[in-house]
Amino acid sequence: MAAASGRRRLIWAAAAALVLTLDAAFVEDLDDSFKDNRKDDIWLVDFYAPWCGHCKKLEPVWNEVGIEIRSSGSPVKVGKMDATSYSSIASEYGVRGYPTIKLLKGDMAYNYRGPRTKDDIIEFANRVAGPLIRPLPSQQMFEHVHKRHRVLFLYVGGESPLKEKYIEVASELIVYTYFFSASEEVLPEYVTLPELPAVVVFKDGTYFVYDGRNGVGRGRGSMAAFSSASHRRALALPQRVLLREKSPTAVPELCTRLKWSGHVQHIWKYNSHRKEKLGIP
């Protein structure tokens, strides 16, 4: 009996070791050749220290991330690098603590500061690795996306300096939220655009319209109200992340970068029963 029990334990131990080995196969161990060899690939990298307790806790989650991203057919490659052994490379990527998660895409290195869960990390990777501006070709697609996002940034119009700025801002702030584009025909009937091109921001049952020249007053529709503390909740960003992140979050930063000033053109509040236009002085 004792011998049989011992054999079972050995079998279970061997099976567990095999599972860990297979899981790790979806995560590449990176060395000092990584920077020269990564070329045009998109990489999601965990920079860790062998002695770091948080890094050890992340390891099984990271293996799950590698498995799911590989099996989904995503172009993102998942790797990990011992930042203490390859400190010069880690330093070049701005690694200052452990673990540090970064998505490397082209010349950009995007920091991940959200919850260290499989689903949150994968959602970040898919968002940042995908198109900067996602087109919404139909009203059905708009409604689907609108229901999924409590803050929705939407560019409406053709090629313009405003679109160039919108793309530039999206390239930096995609770590916080999605950016979309659509034609005017895709918008709901209650949305009125005085002129094109414009950026429309939907939030909390209202929408704000900007055309690059017109911006925000100090009344109920002011950007001060728009970018109040509630935007943290709307963007689903953990408070601890915001306190640790020195750069502004997407809502006020987008407004600053697009240099909006003046008055909001239209603000609408609506519900399932009626639509009410709010007066702006």
Protein backbone atom coordinates (compact mmCIF):
# COMPACT_ATOMS: atom_id res chain seq x y z
CA MET A 1 0.00 0.00 0.00
CA ALA A 2 2.76 2.41 0.97
CA ALA A 3 4.62 1.67 -2.25
CA ALA A 4 1.47 2.21 -4.35
CA SER A 5 0.75 5.47 -2.53
CA GLY A 6 4.31 6.62 -3.17
CA ARG A 7 4.00 5.80 -6.87
CA ARG A 8 0.76 7.81 -7.10
CA ARG A 9 2.44 10.81 -5.50
CA LEU A 10 5.31 10.55 -7.97
CA ILE A 11 2.87 10.35 -10.88
CA TRP A 12 0.94 13.39 -9.66
CA ALA A 13 4.19 15.32 -9.14
CA ALA A 14 5.39 14.39 -12.64
CA ALA A 15 2.02 15.40 -14.15
CA ALA A 16 2.09 18.73 -12.32
CA ALA A 17 5.63 19.38 -13.53
CA LEU A 18 4.59 18.53 -17.10
CA VAL A 19 1.64 20.97 -16.92
CA LEU A 20 3.91 23.75 -15.66
CA THR A 21 6.39 23.01 -18.44
CA LEU A 22 3.67 23.10 -21.11
CA ASP A 23 2.25 26.33 -19.69
CA ALA A 24 5.67 27.97 -19.69
CA ALA A 25 6.16 26.94 -23.34
CA PHE A 26 3.74 29.69 -24.33
CA VAL A 27 5.91 32.30 -22.63
CA GLU A 28 9.34 32.95 -24.11
CA ASP A 29 12.36 33.51 -21.87
CA LEU A 30 14.04 36.63 -23.25
CA ASP A 31 17.72 37.49 -23.11
CA ASP A 32 20.05 40.25 -24.28
CA SER A 33 19.34 39.45 -27.94
CA PHE A 34 15.69 40.45 -27.55
CA LYS A 35 16.05 44.11 -28.47
CA ASP A 36 17.80 43.37 -31.76
CA ASN A 37 15.62 40.40 -32.71
CA ARG A 38 12.12 41.60 -31.90
CA LYS A 39 11.86 43.48 -35.23
CA ASP A 40 8.26 44.40 -36.03
CA ASP A 41 6.68 41.93 -33.60
CA ILE A 42 4.34 43.06 -30.84
CA TRP A 43 5.49 41.83 -27.44
CA LEU A 44 3.85 41.66 -24.04
CA VAL A 45 6.73 41.37 -21.58
CA ASP A 46 6.95 40.73 -17.86
CA PHE A 47 10.15 42.24 -16.46
CA TYR A 48 10.75 40.41 -13.19
CA ALA A 49 13.30 39.78 -10.44
CA PRO A 50 13.85 36.17 -9.25
CA TRP A 51 13.66 37.20 -5.58
CA CYS A 52 10.47 39.29 -5.96
CA GLY A 53 7.43 37.85 -4.17
CA HIS A 54 4.95 39.73 -6.37
CA CYS A 55 6.74 38.35 -9.45
CA LYS A 56 6.39 34.79 -8.17
CA LYS A 57 2.70 35.38 -7.54
CA LEU A 58 2.30 36.68 -11.10
CA GLU A 59 4.07 33.72 -12.75
CA PRO A 60 1.11 31.28 -13.00
CA VAL A 61 -1.13 34.12 -14.18
CA TRP A 62 1.46 35.05 -16.79
CA ASN A 63 1.58 31.47 -18.06
CA GLU A 64 -2.22 31.54 -18.44
CA VAL A 65 -1.93 34.83 -20.36
CA GLY A 66 0.58 33.20 -22.70
CA ILE A 67 -1.67 30.20 -23.32
CA GLU A 68 -4.81 32.22 -24.04
CA ILE A 69 -3.12 34.79 -26.25
CA ARG A 70 -1.42 32.05 -28.29
CA SER A 71 -4.60 29.99 -28.64
CA SER A 72 -6.65 33.04 -29.68
CA GLY A 73 -4.46 33.66 -32.72
CA SER A 74 -3.41 37.09 -31.48
CA PRO A 75 -0.31 38.62 -33.10
CA VAL A 76 0.99 39.46 -29.62
CA LYS A 77 3.93 37.41 -28.39
CA VAL A 78 4.28 36.87 -24.65
CA GLY A 79 7.66 36.84 -22.94
CA LYS A 80 9.42 37.41 -19.65
CA MET A 81 12.83 38.84 -18.87
CA ASP A 82 14.94 38.65 -15.73
CA ALA A 83 15.51 42.37 -15.29
CA THR A 84 18.32 41.79 -12.81
CA SER A 85 20.33 39.72 -15.31
CA TYR A 86 19.61 42.03 -18.25
CA SER A 87 19.46 45.30 -16.37
CA SER A 88 20.70 47.45 -19.27
CA ILE A 89 17.80 46.37 -21.51
CA ALA A 90 15.30 46.72 -18.68
CA SER A 91 16.63 50.22 -18.00
CA GLU A 92 16.23 51.19 -21.66
CA TYR A 93 12.55 50.24 -21.41
CA GLY A 94 12.13 52.30 -18.26
CA VAL A 95 11.79 49.42 -15.81
CA ARG A 96 12.07 50.76 -12.25
CA GLY A 97 10.29 48.14 -10.19
CA TYR A 98 9.18 44.51 -10.26
CA PRO A 99 7.17 43.13 -11.81
CA THR A 100 6.81 45.61 -14.68
CA ILE A 101 4.48 44.70 -17.55
CA LYS A 102 4.93 46.45 -20.87
CA LEU A 103 3.50 46.04 -24.34
CA LEU A 104 6.10 46.87 -26.98
CA LYS A 105 4.69 47.98 -30.31
CA GLY A 106 6.88 49.71 -32.86
CA ASP A 107 8.78 52.47 -31.10
CA MET A 108 6.25 52.67 -28.27
CA ALA A 109 6.48 50.95 -24.88
CA TYR A 110 3.10 50.96 -23.14
CA ASN A 111 2.99 50.43 -19.37
CA TYR A 112 0.35 48.23 -17.79
CA ARG A 113 -0.70 49.32 -14.30
CA GLY A 114 -4.02 47.56 -13.90
CA PRO A 115 -4.99 44.51 -11.84
CA ARG A 116 -2.67 41.55 -12.35
CA THR A 117 -5.37 39.17 -13.48
CA LYS A 118 -5.42 37.15 -16.68
CA ASP A 119 -8.51 38.80 -18.13
CA ASP A 120 -7.40 42.36 -17.36
CA ILE A 121 -3.93 41.82 -18.81
CA ILE A 122 -5.29 40.20 -21.98
CA GLU A 123 -7.85 42.98 -22.46
CA PHE A 124 -5.03 45.53 -22.21
CA ALA A 125 -2.88 43.61 -24.70
CA ASN A 126 -5.67 43.27 -27.25
CA ARG A 127 -6.65 46.94 -26.93
CA VAL A 128 -3.14 48.34 -27.28
CA ALA A 129 -2.00 45.87 -29.94
CA GLY A 130 -5.04 46.55 -32.14
CA PRO A 131 -5.80 49.58 -34.33
CA LEU A 132 -5.42 52.96 -32.62
CA ILE A 133 -8.72 54.12 -34.11
CA ARG A 134 -11.43 51.50 -34.51
CA PRO A 135 -14.07 52.28 -37.17
CA LEU A 136 -17.77 51.83 -36.39
CA PRO A 137 -19.36 51.10 -39.80
CA SER A 138 -22.99 50.83 -38.72
CA GLN A 139 -25.56 52.07 -36.21
CA GLN A 140 -25.79 48.55 -34.79
CA MET A 141 -22.05 48.51 -34.15
CA PHE A 142 -22.22 51.96 -32.56
CA GLU A 143 -24.99 50.86 -30.19
CA HIS A 144 -23.09 47.70 -29.29
CA VAL A 145 -19.92 49.65 -28.47
CA HIS A 146 -21.81 52.41 -26.68
CA LYS A 147 -23.35 49.90 -24.28
CA ARG A 148 -19.94 48.43 -23.48
CA HIS A 149 -18.13 51.70 -22.75
CA ARG A 150 -19.14 54.20 -20.10
CA VAL A 151 -16.83 56.74 -21.77
CA LEU A 152 -16.73 56.69 -25.56
CA PHE A 153 -14.45 58.83 -27.72
CA LEU A 154 -15.60 59.13 -31.33
CA TYR A 155 -14.10 61.06 -34.26
CA VAL A 156 -16.60 62.03 -36.94
CA GLY A 157 -15.46 63.36 -40.33
CA GLY A 158 -12.81 62.92 -42.99
CA GLU A 159 -9.10 63.65 -43.06
CA SER A 160 -8.23 66.82 -41.17
CA PRO A 161 -5.70 68.34 -38.74
CA LEU A 162 -8.14 67.48 -35.96
CA LYS A 163 -8.01 63.81 -36.96
CA GLU A 164 -4.22 63.90 -37.01
CA LYS A 165 -4.22 65.24 -33.47
CA TYR A 166 -6.82 62.67 -32.43
CA ILE A 167 -4.60 59.86 -33.74
CA GLU A 168 -1.57 61.33 -32.01
CA VAL A 169 -3.38 61.48 -28.70
CA ALA A 170 -4.78 57.96 -29.14
CA SER A 171 -1.28 56.59 -29.69
CA GLU A 172 -0.35 57.67 -26.18
CA LEU A 173 -3.64 57.20 -24.33
CA ILE A 174 -4.77 53.87 -25.74
CA VAL A 175 -3.55 52.37 -22.45
CA TYR A 176 -6.58 53.96 -20.76
CA THR A 177 -9.46 53.63 -23.19
CA TYR A 178 -10.55 52.88 -26.76
CA PHE A 179 -10.80 55.45 -29.56
CA PHE A 180 -13.33 55.13 -32.37
CA SER A 181 -14.34 56.82 -35.63
CA ALA A 182 -17.58 56.85 -37.61
CA SER A 183 -19.48 58.71 -40.27
CA GLU A 184 -22.24 61.13 -39.27
CA GLU A 185 -24.88 58.69 -40.57
CA VAL A 186 -23.92 56.16 -37.88
CA LEU A 187 -24.80 58.51 -35.00
CA PRO A 188 -28.16 58.34 -33.21
CA GLU A 189 -30.78 60.91 -34.21
CA TYR A 190 -30.46 62.82 -30.94
CA VAL A 191 -26.84 63.73 -31.70
CA THR A 192 -26.51 67.07 -33.50
CA LEU A 193 -23.18 68.16 -34.98
CA PRO A 194 -22.98 71.85 -35.94
CA GLU A 195 -20.08 71.13 -38.28
CA LEU A 196 -17.52 68.52 -39.25
CA PRO A 197 -15.01 67.25 -38.40
CA ALA A 198 -15.71 66.85 -34.70
CA VAL A 199 -14.89 64.71 -31.72
CA VAL A 200 -17.88 63.47 -29.76
CA VAL A 201 -17.46 62.21 -26.21
CA PHE A 202 -20.29 60.15 -24.71
CA LYS A 203 -20.42 59.85 -20.93
CA ASP A 204 -23.07 59.31 -18.25
CA GLY A 205 -26.05 59.74 -20.56
CA THR A 206 -24.72 62.96 -22.09
CA TYR A 207 -22.56 63.82 -25.05
CA PHE A 208 -20.08 66.60 -25.69
CA VAL A 209 -19.13 67.92 -29.12
CA TYR A 210 -15.78 69.49 -30.00
CA ASP A 211 -14.54 70.71 -33.34
CA GLY A 212 -11.02 71.80 -32.38
CA ARG A 213 -12.01 75.44 -31.94
CA ASN A 214 -15.00 75.20 -29.64
CA GLY A 215 -14.51 73.83 -26.20
CA VAL A 216 -15.96 74.12 -22.77
CA GLY A 217 -17.56 76.78 -20.65
CA ARG A 218 -17.90 76.81 -16.90
CA GLY A 219 -21.56 75.86 -16.62
CA ARG A 220 -23.12 72.46 -16.25
CA GLY A 221 -21.41 71.30 -19.43
CA SER A 222 -17.93 72.46 -18.48
CA MET A 223 -14.93 70.22 -18.88
CA ALA A 224 -14.30 70.76 -15.18
CA ALA A 225 -17.53 68.84 -14.55
CA PHE A 226 -16.79 66.39 -17.31
CA SER A 227 -13.36 65.49 -15.95
CA SER A 228 -14.37 65.45 -12.29
CA ALA A 229 -13.65 62.58 -9.96
CA SER A 230 -16.40 60.54 -11.61
CA HIS A 231 -14.26 60.04 -14.70
CA ARG A 232 -12.12 57.60 -12.72
CA ARG A 233 -15.11 55.38 -12.19
CA ALA A 234 -16.30 55.85 -15.77
CA LEU A 235 -12.95 54.76 -17.14
CA ALA A 236 -12.87 51.80 -14.74
CA LEU A 237 -9.37 52.72 -13.56
CA PRO A 238 -8.44 51.61 -10.04
CA GLN A 239 -7.80 54.50 -7.67
CA ARG A 240 -4.41 53.11 -6.68
CA VAL A 241 -3.39 53.09 -10.34
CA LEU A 242 -4.30 56.75 -10.79
CA LEU A 243 -2.34 57.75 -7.71
CA ARG A 244 0.70 55.88 -8.97
CA GLU A 245 0.44 57.15 -12.54
CA LYS A 246 1.88 60.63 -12.90
CA SER A 247 0.43 61.34 -16.36
CA PRO A 248 -3.21 62.49 -16.58
CA THR A 249 -5.96 60.08 -17.51
CA ALA A 250 -7.61 60.06 -20.90
CA VAL A 251 -10.49 62.46 -20.33
CA PRO A 252 -8.68 65.62 -19.19
CA GLU A 253 -5.53 64.80 -21.13
CA LEU A 254 -7.40 64.42 -24.42
CA CYS A 255 -9.01 67.80 -23.88
CA THR A 256 -5.66 69.40 -23.10
CA ARG A 257 -3.93 67.85 -26.10
CA LEU A 258 -6.69 68.86 -28.51
CA LYS A 259 -6.58 72.40 -27.02
CA TRP A 260 -10.31 72.82 -26.68
CA SER A 261 -11.55 76.16 -25.31
CA GLY A 262 -14.86 78.05 -25.31
CA HIS A 263 -18.31 76.47 -25.00
CA VAL A 264 -19.75 73.02 -25.49
CA GLN A 265 -22.00 73.04 -28.54
CA HIS A 266 -24.66 70.63 -27.31
CA ILE A 267 -25.26 68.50 -24.27
CA TRP A 268 -28.08 66.02 -24.27
CA LYS A 269 -29.35 63.89 -21.45
CA TYR A 270 -31.60 61.05 -22.36
CA ASN A 271 -33.25 57.95 -20.92
CA SER A 272 -35.51 55.15 -22.12
CA HIS A 273 -38.62 57.38 -21.95
CA ARG A 274 -37.59 60.74 -23.33
CA LYS A 275 -34.75 63.04 -24.44
CA GLU A 276 -34.22 66.40 -22.87
CA LYS A 277 -31.99 69.13 -24.22
CA LEU A 278 -30.07 70.96 -21.50
CA GLY A 279 -29.53 74.71 -21.88
CA ILE A 280 -26.00 75.99 -21.93
CA PRO A 281 -25.41 79.73 -21.36
